[in-house]
Amino acid sequence: MDLHKEKAQKANRAASAISNAMIKKLADMRPKFAAQYDLDDQLVTLAIAQAAVGIAADAASQATGMGTDKHVELEDRLHAVVFDAMNELLSDESRPRLH
């Protein structure tokens, strides 16, 4: 296996471990966020998704040395993708299913 592929696999394993730790921490914090901001479970979940997009954009911009304008553009584009996907999934759920 070449060095590049090995590093990519290590980074992928680290990303998975980081994701699992963040999911656990956010699950523990969920009730506090709901009470503090008077949100139902769906809105807390949406807020978590929005925060995750911000974290992803920040990490990507730091890793690549993006300037502020590119960082903002990346975050806006990631938000658009996430919200478009969520809207599509929600609209699919509201349609009657024929079996």
PDB file of N, CA and C in Angstrom:
ATOM      1  N   MET A   1       0.844  -1.167   0.000  1.00  0.00           N
ATOM      2  CA  MET A   1       0.000   0.000   0.000  1.00  0.00           C
ATOM      3  C   MET A   1       0.898   1.241   0.000  1.00  0.00           C
ATOM      4  N   ASP A   2       0.532   2.225  -0.818  1.00  0.00           N
ATOM      5  CA  ASP A   2       1.374   3.412  -0.844  1.00  0.00           C
ATOM      6  C   ASP A   2       1.082   4.326   0.344  1.00  0.00           C
ATOM      7  N   LEU A   3       2.014   5.203   0.627  1.00  0.00           N
ATOM      8  CA  LEU A   3       1.958   6.071   1.800  1.00  0.00           C
ATOM      9  C   LEU A   3       0.727   6.967   1.779  1.00  0.00           C
ATOM     10  N   HIS A   4       0.379   7.494   0.601  1.00  0.00           N
ATOM     11  CA  HIS A   4      -0.783   8.385   0.493  1.00  0.00           C
ATOM     12  C   HIS A   4      -2.070   7.657   0.886  1.00  0.00           C
ATOM     13  N   LYS A   5      -2.235   6.449   0.388  1.00  0.00           N
ATOM     14  CA  LYS A   5      -3.429   5.663   0.691  1.00  0.00           C
ATOM     15  C   LYS A   5      -3.491   5.320   2.181  1.00  0.00           C
ATOM     16  N   GLU A   6      -2.355   4.982   2.763  1.00  0.00           N
ATOM     17  CA  GLU A   6      -2.293   4.653   4.184  1.00  0.00           C
ATOM     18  C   GLU A   6      -2.667   5.860   5.043  1.00  0.00           C
ATOM     19  N   LYS A   7      -2.148   7.032   4.686  1.00  0.00           N
ATOM     20  CA  LYS A   7      -2.490   8.253   5.421  1.00  0.00           C
ATOM     21  C   LYS A   7      -3.978   8.561   5.295  1.00  0.00           C
ATOM     22  N   ALA A   8      -4.537   8.361   4.124  1.00  0.00           N
ATOM     23  CA  ALA A   8      -5.964   8.612   3.909  1.00  0.00           C
ATOM     24  C   ALA A   8      -6.813   7.676   4.766  1.00  0.00           C
ATOM     25  N   GLN A   9      -6.393   6.416   4.869  1.00  0.00           N
ATOM     26  CA  GLN A   9      -7.132   5.464   5.698  1.00  0.00           C
ATOM     27  C   GLN A   9      -7.041   5.836   7.178  1.00  0.00           C
ATOM     28  N   LYS A  10      -5.871   6.273   7.625  1.00  0.00           N
ATOM     29  CA  LYS A  10      -5.711   6.710   9.016  1.00  0.00           C
ATOM     30  C   LYS A  10      -6.591   7.926   9.289  1.00  0.00           C
ATOM     31  N   ALA A  11      -6.606   8.861   8.377  1.00  0.00           N
ATOM     32  CA  ALA A  11      -7.439  10.056   8.540  1.00  0.00           C
ATOM     33  C   ALA A  11      -8.914   9.678   8.568  1.00  0.00           C
ATOM     34  N   ASN A  12      -9.303   8.714   7.756  1.00  0.00           N
ATOM     35  CA  ASN A  12     -10.693   8.267   7.732  1.00  0.00           C
ATOM     36  C   ASN A  12     -11.076   7.621   9.062  1.00  0.00           C
ATOM     37  N   ARG A  13     -10.193   6.808   9.619  1.00  0.00           N
ATOM     38  CA  ARG A  13     -10.471   6.195  10.925  1.00  0.00           C
ATOM     39  C   ARG A  13     -10.560   7.262  12.010  1.00  0.00           C
ATOM     40  N   ALA A  14      -9.691   8.246  11.958  1.00  0.00           N
ATOM     41  CA  ALA A  14      -9.732   9.337  12.937  1.00  0.00           C
ATOM     42  C   ALA A  14     -11.035  10.129  12.795  1.00  0.00           C
ATOM     43  N   ALA A  15     -11.439  10.388  11.566  1.00  0.00           N
ATOM     44  CA  ALA A  15     -12.688  11.121  11.333  1.00  0.00           C
ATOM     45  C   ALA A  15     -13.880  10.363  11.897  1.00  0.00           C
ATOM     46  N   SER A  16     -13.876   9.078  11.733  1.00  0.00           N
ATOM     47  CA  SER A  16     -14.959   8.248  12.272  1.00  0.00           C
ATOM     48  C   SER A  16     -14.991   8.308  13.797  1.00  0.00           C
ATOM     49  N   ALA A  17     -13.825   8.228  14.421  1.00  0.00           N
ATOM     50  CA  ALA A  17     -13.751   8.298  15.888  1.00  0.00           C
ATOM     51  C   ALA A  17     -14.190   9.674  16.392  1.00  0.00           C
ATOM     52  N   ILE A  18     -13.768  10.719  15.711  1.00  0.00           N
ATOM     53  CA  ILE A  18     -14.167  12.079  16.080  1.00  0.00           C
ATOM     54  C   ILE A  18     -15.676  12.234  15.943  1.00  0.00           C
ATOM     55  N   SER A  19     -16.214  11.743  14.847  1.00  0.00           N
ATOM     56  CA  SER A  19     -17.657  11.814  14.616  1.00  0.00           C
ATOM     57  C   SER A  19     -18.432  11.097  15.714  1.00  0.00           C
ATOM     58  N   ASN A  20     -17.993   9.906  16.074  1.00  0.00           N
ATOM     59  CA  ASN A  20     -18.665   9.150  17.130  1.00  0.00           C
ATOM     60  C   ASN A  20     -18.626   9.892  18.466  1.00  0.00           C
ATOM     61  N   ALA A  21     -17.496  10.491  18.791  1.00  0.00           N
ATOM     62  CA  ALA A  21     -17.382  11.248  20.041  1.00  0.00           C
ATOM     63  C   ALA A  21     -18.288  12.472  20.023  1.00  0.00           C
ATOM     64  N   MET A  22     -18.347  13.157  18.894  1.00  0.00           N
ATOM     65  CA  MET A  22     -19.204  14.340  18.785  1.00  0.00           C
ATOM     66  C   MET A  22     -20.677  13.961  18.871  1.00  0.00           C
ATOM     67  N   ILE A  23     -21.061  12.877  18.242  1.00  0.00           N
ATOM     68  CA  ILE A  23     -22.448  12.421  18.290  1.00  0.00           C
ATOM     69  C   ILE A  23     -22.856  12.133  19.730  1.00  0.00           C
ATOM     70  N   LYS A  24     -21.992  11.447  20.462  1.00  0.00           N
ATOM     71  CA  LYS A  24     -22.293  11.130  21.857  1.00  0.00           C
ATOM     72  C   LYS A  24     -22.412  12.399  22.680  1.00  0.00           C
ATOM     73  N   LYS A  25     -21.484  13.301  22.525  1.00  0.00           N
ATOM     74  CA  LYS A  25     -21.496  14.553  23.291  1.00  0.00           C
ATOM     75  C   LYS A  25     -22.746  15.366  22.963  1.00  0.00           C
ATOM     76  N   LEU A  26     -23.090  15.464  21.697  1.00  0.00           N
ATOM     77  CA  LEU A  26     -24.275  16.227  21.309  1.00  0.00           C
ATOM     78  C   LEU A  26     -25.558  15.572  21.816  1.00  0.00           C
ATOM     79  N   ALA A  27     -25.598  14.259  21.831  1.00  0.00           N
ATOM     80  CA  ALA A  27     -26.769  13.559  22.371  1.00  0.00           C
ATOM     81  C   ALA A  27     -26.917  13.873  23.857  1.00  0.00           C
ATOM     82  N   ASP A  28     -25.801  13.930  24.568  1.00  0.00           N
ATOM     83  CA  ASP A  28     -25.834  14.274  25.988  1.00  0.00           C
ATOM     84  C   ASP A  28     -26.287  15.722  26.209  1.00  0.00           C
ATOM     85  N   MET A  29     -25.935  16.605  25.276  1.00  0.00           N
ATOM     86  CA  MET A  29     -26.254  18.029  25.406  1.00  0.00           C
ATOM     87  C   MET A  29     -27.637  18.394  24.856  1.00  0.00           C
ATOM     88  N   ARG A  30     -28.245  17.511  24.103  1.00  0.00           N
ATOM     89  CA  ARG A  30     -29.514  17.776  23.422  1.00  0.00           C
ATOM     90  C   ARG A  30     -30.601  18.326  24.359  1.00  0.00           C
ATOM     91  N   PRO A  31     -30.857  17.682  25.515  1.00  0.00           N
ATOM     92  CA  PRO A  31     -31.913  18.207  26.393  1.00  0.00           C
ATOM     93  C   PRO A  31     -31.630  19.634  26.887  1.00  0.00           C
ATOM     94  N   LYS A  32     -30.364  19.929  27.166  1.00  0.00           N
ATOM     95  CA  LYS A  32     -30.002  21.275  27.617  1.00  0.00           C
ATOM     96  C   LYS A  32     -30.284  22.299  26.523  1.00  0.00           C
ATOM     97  N   PHE A  33     -29.891  21.988  25.288  1.00  0.00           N
ATOM     98  CA  PHE A  33     -30.160  22.901  24.174  1.00  0.00           C
ATOM     99  C   PHE A  33     -31.660  23.102  23.977  1.00  0.00           C
ATOM    100  N   ALA A  34     -32.416  22.021  24.065  1.00  0.00           N
ATOM    101  CA  ALA A  34     -33.868  22.102  23.876  1.00  0.00           C
ATOM    102  C   ALA A  34     -34.487  23.025  24.920  1.00  0.00           C
ATOM    103  N   ALA A  35     -34.088  22.857  26.173  1.00  0.00           N
ATOM    104  CA  ALA A  35     -34.649  23.683  27.238  1.00  0.00           C
ATOM    105  C   ALA A  35     -34.162  25.130  27.150  1.00  0.00           C
ATOM    106  N   GLN A  36     -32.868  25.300  26.921  1.00  0.00           N
ATOM    107  CA  GLN A  36     -32.286  26.641  26.901  1.00  0.00           C
ATOM    108  C   GLN A  36     -32.851  27.504  25.780  1.00  0.00           C
ATOM    109  N   TYR A  37     -33.097  26.914  24.623  1.00  0.00           N
ATOM    110  CA  TYR A  37     -33.566  27.681  23.469  1.00  0.00           C
ATOM    111  C   TYR A  37     -35.029  27.417  23.138  1.00  0.00           C
ATOM    112  N   ASP A  38     -35.714  26.664  23.995  1.00  0.00           N
ATOM    113  CA  ASP A  38     -37.127  26.345  23.838  1.00  0.00           C
ATOM    114  C   ASP A  38     -37.402  25.753  22.444  1.00  0.00           C
ATOM    115  N   LEU A  39     -36.696  24.663  22.147  1.00  0.00           N
ATOM    116  CA  LEU A  39     -36.802  24.006  20.843  1.00  0.00           C
ATOM    117  C   LEU A  39     -37.338  22.591  21.012  1.00  0.00           C
ATOM    118  N   ASP A  40     -38.102  22.137  20.007  1.00  0.00           N
ATOM    119  CA  ASP A  40     -38.509  20.739  20.016  1.00  0.00           C
ATOM    120  C   ASP A  40     -37.356  19.898  19.462  1.00  0.00           C
ATOM    121  N   ASP A  41     -37.525  18.590  19.487  1.00  0.00           N
ATOM    122  CA  ASP A  41     -36.446  17.686  19.087  1.00  0.00           C
ATOM    123  C   ASP A  41     -36.020  17.907  17.639  1.00  0.00           C
ATOM    124  N   GLN A  42     -36.979  18.145  16.754  1.00  0.00           N
ATOM    125  CA  GLN A  42     -36.655  18.348  15.341  1.00  0.00           C
ATOM    126  C   GLN A  42     -35.809  19.611  15.151  1.00  0.00           C
ATOM    127  N   LEU A  43     -36.150  20.693  15.864  1.00  0.00           N
ATOM    128  CA  LEU A  43     -35.385  21.923  15.715  1.00  0.00           C
ATOM    129  C   LEU A  43     -33.996  21.816  16.349  1.00  0.00           C
ATOM    130  N   VAL A  44     -33.879  21.071  17.436  1.00  0.00           N
ATOM    131  CA  VAL A  44     -32.554  20.836  18.009  1.00  0.00           C
ATOM    132  C   VAL A  44     -31.700  20.059  17.004  1.00  0.00           C
ATOM    133  N   THR A  45     -32.294  19.071  16.366  1.00  0.00           N
ATOM    134  CA  THR A  45     -31.567  18.286  15.359  1.00  0.00           C
ATOM    135  C   THR A  45     -31.143  19.168  14.187  1.00  0.00           C
ATOM    136  N   LEU A  46     -32.017  20.048  13.745  1.00  0.00           N
ATOM    137  CA  LEU A  46     -31.676  20.976  12.669  1.00  0.00           C
ATOM    138  C   LEU A  46     -30.539  21.906  13.090  1.00  0.00           C
ATOM    139  N   ALA A  47     -30.580  22.388  14.327  1.00  0.00           N
ATOM    140  CA  ALA A  47     -29.510  23.250  14.827  1.00  0.00           C
ATOM    141  C   ALA A  47     -28.179  22.499  14.862  1.00  0.00           C
ATOM    142  N   ILE A  48     -28.218  21.239  15.251  1.00  0.00           N
ATOM    143  CA  ILE A  48     -26.998  20.417  15.267  1.00  0.00           C
ATOM    144  C   ILE A  48     -26.458  20.256  13.848  1.00  0.00           C
ATOM    145  N   ALA A  49     -27.340  20.011  12.890  1.00  0.00           N
ATOM    146  CA  ALA A  49     -26.909  19.877  11.487  1.00  0.00           C
ATOM    147  C   ALA A  49     -26.280  21.177  10.997  1.00  0.00           C
ATOM    148  N   GLN A  50     -26.891  22.293  11.351  1.00  0.00           N
ATOM    149  CA  GLN A  50     -26.359  23.588  10.932  1.00  0.00           C
ATOM    150  C   GLN A  50     -24.982  23.827  11.557  1.00  0.00           C
ATOM    151  N   ALA A  51     -24.829  23.484  12.820  1.00  0.00           N
ATOM    152  CA  ALA A  51     -23.535  23.641  13.479  1.00  0.00           C
ATOM    153  C   ALA A  51     -22.478  22.732  12.845  1.00  0.00           C
ATOM    154  N   ALA A  52     -22.874  21.522  12.498  1.00  0.00           N
ATOM    155  CA  ALA A  52     -21.937  20.576  11.881  1.00  0.00           C
ATOM    156  C   ALA A  52     -21.418  21.102  10.547  1.00  0.00           C
ATOM    157  N   VAL A  53     -22.286  21.741   9.791  1.00  0.00           N
ATOM    158  CA  VAL A  53     -21.868  22.329   8.516  1.00  0.00           C
ATOM    159  C   VAL A  53     -20.837  23.430   8.761  1.00  0.00           C
ATOM    160  N   GLY A  54     -21.075  24.250   9.770  1.00  0.00           N
ATOM    161  CA  GLY A  54     -20.113  25.301  10.110  1.00  0.00           C
ATOM    162  C   GLY A  54     -18.775  24.734  10.523  1.00  0.00           C
ATOM    163  N   ILE A  55     -18.815  23.669  11.319  1.00  0.00           N
ATOM    164  CA  ILE A  55     -17.577  23.010  11.755  1.00  0.00           C
ATOM    165  C   ILE A  55     -16.832  22.431  10.554  1.00  0.00           C
ATOM    166  N   ALA A  56     -17.566  21.796   9.642  1.00  0.00           N
ATOM    167  CA  ALA A  56     -16.939  21.202   8.450  1.00  0.00           C
ATOM    168  C   ALA A  56     -16.286  22.280   7.586  1.00  0.00           C
ATOM    169  N   ALA A  57     -16.969  23.386   7.389  1.00  0.00           N
ATOM    170  CA  ALA A  57     -16.412  24.468   6.575  1.00  0.00           C
ATOM    171  C   ALA A  57     -15.175  25.054   7.236  1.00  0.00           C
ATOM    172  N   ASP A  58     -15.229  25.230   8.547  1.00  0.00           N
ATOM    173  CA  ASP A  58     -14.086  25.791   9.262  1.00  0.00           C
ATOM    174  C   ASP A  58     -12.877  24.868   9.175  1.00  0.00           C
ATOM    175  N   ALA A  59     -13.095  23.580   9.417  1.00  0.00           N
ATOM    176  CA  ALA A  59     -11.986  22.623   9.360  1.00  0.00           C
ATOM    177  C   ALA A  59     -11.390  22.545   7.951  1.00  0.00           C
ATOM    178  N   ALA A  60     -12.254  22.512   6.942  1.00  0.00           N
ATOM    179  CA  ALA A  60     -11.765  22.441   5.562  1.00  0.00           C
ATOM    180  C   ALA A  60     -10.982  23.690   5.190  1.00  0.00           C
ATOM    181  N   SER A  61     -11.462  24.842   5.626  1.00  0.00           N
ATOM    182  CA  SER A  61     -10.748  26.072   5.276  1.00  0.00           C
ATOM    183  C   SER A  61      -9.401  26.150   5.990  1.00  0.00           C
ATOM    184  N   GLN A  62      -9.343  25.671   7.238  1.00  0.00           N
ATOM    185  CA  GLN A  62      -8.059  25.649   7.947  1.00  0.00           C
ATOM    186  C   GLN A  62      -7.081  24.673   7.292  1.00  0.00           C
ATOM    187  N   ALA A  63      -7.588  23.513   6.895  1.00  0.00           N
ATOM    188  CA  ALA A  63      -6.718  22.493   6.298  1.00  0.00           C
ATOM    189  C   ALA A  63      -6.162  22.923   4.951  1.00  0.00           C
ATOM    190  N   THR A  64      -6.927  23.749   4.239  1.00  0.00           N
ATOM    191  CA  THR A  64      -6.495  24.143   2.890  1.00  0.00           C
ATOM    192  C   THR A  64      -5.981  25.570   2.811  1.00  0.00           C
ATOM    193  N   GLY A  65      -6.059  26.302   3.921  1.00  0.00           N
ATOM    194  CA  GLY A  65      -5.571  27.680   3.922  1.00  0.00           C
ATOM    195  C   GLY A  65      -6.467  28.644   3.178  1.00  0.00           C
ATOM    196  N   MET A  66      -7.759  28.363   3.147  1.00  0.00           N
ATOM    197  CA  MET A  66      -8.701  29.251   2.452  1.00  0.00           C
ATOM    198  C   MET A  66      -8.753  30.616   3.134  1.00  0.00           C
ATOM    199  N   GLY A  67      -8.984  31.619   2.328  1.00  0.00           N
ATOM    200  CA  GLY A  67      -9.227  32.949   2.869  1.00  0.00           C
ATOM    201  C   GLY A  67     -10.658  33.058   3.378  1.00  0.00           C
ATOM    202  N   THR A  68     -10.961  34.157   4.013  1.00  0.00           N
ATOM    203  CA  THR A  68     -12.283  34.365   4.612  1.00  0.00           C
ATOM    204  C   THR A  68     -13.402  34.282   3.584  1.00  0.00           C
ATOM    205  N   ASP A  69     -13.228  34.911   2.442  1.00  0.00           N
ATOM    206  CA  ASP A  69     -14.280  34.902   1.419  1.00  0.00           C
ATOM    207  C   ASP A  69     -14.586  33.484   0.945  1.00  0.00           C
ATOM    208  N   LYS A  70     -13.548  32.706   0.704  1.00  0.00           N
ATOM    209  CA  LYS A  70     -13.749  31.318   0.256  1.00  0.00           C
ATOM    210  C   LYS A  70     -14.377  30.475   1.361  1.00  0.00           C
ATOM    211  N   HIS A  71     -13.977  30.729   2.613  1.00  0.00           N
ATOM    212  CA  HIS A  71     -14.560  30.003   3.749  1.00  0.00           C
ATOM    213  C   HIS A  71     -16.063  30.275   3.825  1.00  0.00           C
ATOM    214  N   VAL A  72     -16.455  31.525   3.718  1.00  0.00           N
ATOM    215  CA  VAL A  72     -17.881  31.887   3.766  1.00  0.00           C
ATOM    216  C   VAL A  72     -18.624  31.249   2.598  1.00  0.00           C
ATOM    217  N   GLU A  73     -18.017  31.281   1.413  1.00  0.00           N
ATOM    218  CA  GLU A  73     -18.645  30.665   0.238  1.00  0.00           C
ATOM    219  C   GLU A  73     -18.817  29.157   0.446  1.00  0.00           C
ATOM    220  N   LEU A  74     -17.787  28.494   0.976  1.00  0.00           N
ATOM    221  CA  LEU A  74     -17.871  27.056   1.232  1.00  0.00           C
ATOM    222  C   LEU A  74     -18.981  26.763   2.228  1.00  0.00           C
ATOM    223  N   GLU A  75     -19.034  27.513   3.310  1.00  0.00           N
ATOM    224  CA  GLU A  75     -20.069  27.279   4.325  1.00  0.00           C
ATOM    225  C   GLU A  75     -21.466  27.482   3.736  1.00  0.00           C
ATOM    226  N   ASP A  76     -21.641  28.535   2.942  1.00  0.00           N
ATOM    227  CA  ASP A  76     -22.942  28.775   2.303  1.00  0.00           C
ATOM    228  C   ASP A  76     -23.325  27.627   1.375  1.00  0.00           C
ATOM    229  N   ARG A  77     -22.360  27.144   0.615  1.00  0.00           N
ATOM    230  CA  ARG A  77     -22.647  26.040  -0.309  1.00  0.00           C
ATOM    231  C   ARG A  77     -22.972  24.757   0.436  1.00  0.00           C
ATOM    232  N   LEU A  78     -22.253  24.474   1.523  1.00  0.00           N
ATOM    233  CA  LEU A  78     -22.543  23.286   2.320  1.00  0.00           C
ATOM    234  C   LEU A  78     -23.927  23.385   2.967  1.00  0.00           C
ATOM    235  N   HIS A  79     -24.262  24.563   3.479  1.00  0.00           N
ATOM    236  CA  HIS A  79     -25.606  24.755   4.046  1.00  0.00           C
ATOM    237  C   HIS A  79     -26.675  24.480   2.985  1.00  0.00           C
ATOM    238  N   ALA A  80     -26.465  24.993   1.794  1.00  0.00           N
ATOM    239  CA  ALA A  80     -27.450  24.800   0.722  1.00  0.00           C
ATOM    240  C   ALA A  80     -27.633  23.325   0.401  1.00  0.00           C
ATOM    241  N   VAL A  81     -26.539  22.580   0.327  1.00  0.00           N
ATOM    242  CA  VAL A  81     -26.623  21.144   0.028  1.00  0.00           C
ATOM    243  C   VAL A  81     -27.388  20.408   1.123  1.00  0.00           C
ATOM    244  N   VAL A  82     -27.049  20.690   2.390  1.00  0.00           N
ATOM    245  CA  VAL A  82     -27.704  20.010   3.508  1.00  0.00           C
ATOM    246  C   VAL A  82     -29.191  20.338   3.537  1.00  0.00           C
ATOM    247  N   PHE A  83     -29.527  21.610   3.423  1.00  0.00           N
ATOM    248  CA  PHE A  83     -30.931  21.987   3.508  1.00  0.00           C
ATOM    249  C   PHE A  83     -31.729  21.509   2.298  1.00  0.00           C
ATOM    250  N   ASP A  84     -31.131  21.512   1.120  1.00  0.00           N
ATOM    251  CA  ASP A  84     -31.818  20.962  -0.055  1.00  0.00           C
ATOM    252  C   ASP A  84     -32.101  19.476   0.140  1.00  0.00           C
ATOM    253  N   ALA A  85     -31.128  18.747   0.639  1.00  0.00           N
ATOM    254  CA  ALA A  85     -31.317  17.312   0.882  1.00  0.00           C
ATOM    255  C   ALA A  85     -32.397  17.076   1.926  1.00  0.00           C
ATOM    256  N   MET A  86     -32.377  17.857   3.005  1.00  0.00           N
ATOM    257  CA  MET A  86     -33.389  17.706   4.046  1.00  0.00           C
ATOM    258  C   MET A  86     -34.777  18.015   3.502  1.00  0.00           C
ATOM    259  N   ASN A  87     -34.907  19.095   2.743  1.00  0.00           N
ATOM    260  CA  ASN A  87     -36.207  19.449   2.167  1.00  0.00           C
ATOM    261  C   ASN A  87     -36.708  18.372   1.223  1.00  0.00           C
ATOM    262  N   GLU A  88     -35.805  17.809   0.436  1.00  0.00           N
ATOM    263  CA  GLU A  88     -36.185  16.738  -0.485  1.00  0.00           C
ATOM    264  C   GLU A  88     -36.672  15.515   0.284  1.00  0.00           C
ATOM    265  N   LEU A  89     -35.934  15.148   1.319  1.00  0.00           N
ATOM    266  CA  LEU A  89     -36.335  13.985   2.117  1.00  0.00           C
ATOM    267  C   LEU A  89     -37.661  14.237   2.824  1.00  0.00           C
ATOM    268  N   LEU A  90     -37.842  15.435   3.362  1.00  0.00           N
ATOM    269  CA  LEU A  90     -39.098  15.749   4.044  1.00  0.00           C
ATOM    270  C   LEU A  90     -40.272  15.768   3.078  1.00  0.00           C
ATOM    271  N   SER A  91     -40.059  16.290   1.871  1.00  0.00           N
ATOM    272  CA  SER A  91     -41.157  16.306   0.911  1.00  0.00           C
ATOM    273  C   SER A  91     -41.462  14.909   0.411  1.00  0.00           C
ATOM    274  N   ASP A  92     -40.454  14.043   0.317  1.00  0.00           N
ATOM    275  CA  ASP A  92     -40.683  12.643  -0.055  1.00  0.00           C
ATOM    276  C   ASP A  92     -41.516  11.932   1.011  1.00  0.00           C
ATOM    277  N   GLU A  93     -41.255  12.243   2.285  1.00  0.00           N
ATOM    278  CA  GLU A  93     -41.986  11.606   3.382  1.00  0.00           C
ATOM    279  C   GLU A  93     -43.453  12.017   3.408  1.00  0.00           C
ATOM    280  N   SER A  94     -43.738  13.226   2.941  1.00  0.00           N
ATOM    281  CA  SER A  94     -45.122  13.715   3.004  1.00  0.00           C
ATOM    282  C   SER A  94     -45.978  13.171   1.856  1.00  0.00           C
ATOM    283  N   ARG A  95     -45.341  12.627   0.848  1.00  0.00           N
ATOM    284  CA  ARG A  95     -46.093  12.060  -0.277  1.00  0.00           C
ATOM    285  C   ARG A  95     -46.669  10.708   0.111  1.00  0.00           C
ATOM    286  N   PRO A  96     -47.885  10.435  -0.319  1.00  0.00           N
ATOM    287  CA  PRO A  96     -48.442   9.100  -0.030  1.00  0.00           C
ATOM    288  C   PRO A  96     -47.634   8.031  -0.777  1.00  0.00           C
ATOM    289  N   ARG A  97     -47.436   6.940  -0.125  1.00  0.00           N
ATOM    290  CA  ARG A  97     -46.677   5.844  -0.722  1.00  0.00           C
ATOM    291  C   ARG A  97     -47.634   4.795  -1.255  1.00  0.00           C
ATOM    292  N   LEU A  98     -47.410   4.394  -2.481  1.00  0.00           N
ATOM    293  CA  LEU A  98     -48.215   3.350  -3.096  1.00  0.00           C
ATOM    294  C   LEU A  98     -47.400   2.060  -3.121  1.00  0.00           C
ATOM    295  N   HIS A  99     -47.997   0.993  -2.650  1.00  0.00           N
ATOM    296  CA  HIS A  99     -47.265  -0.285  -2.620  1.00  0.00           C
ATOM    297  C   HIS A  99     -47.911  -1.277  -3.534  1.00  0.00           C
TER     298      HIS A  99
END
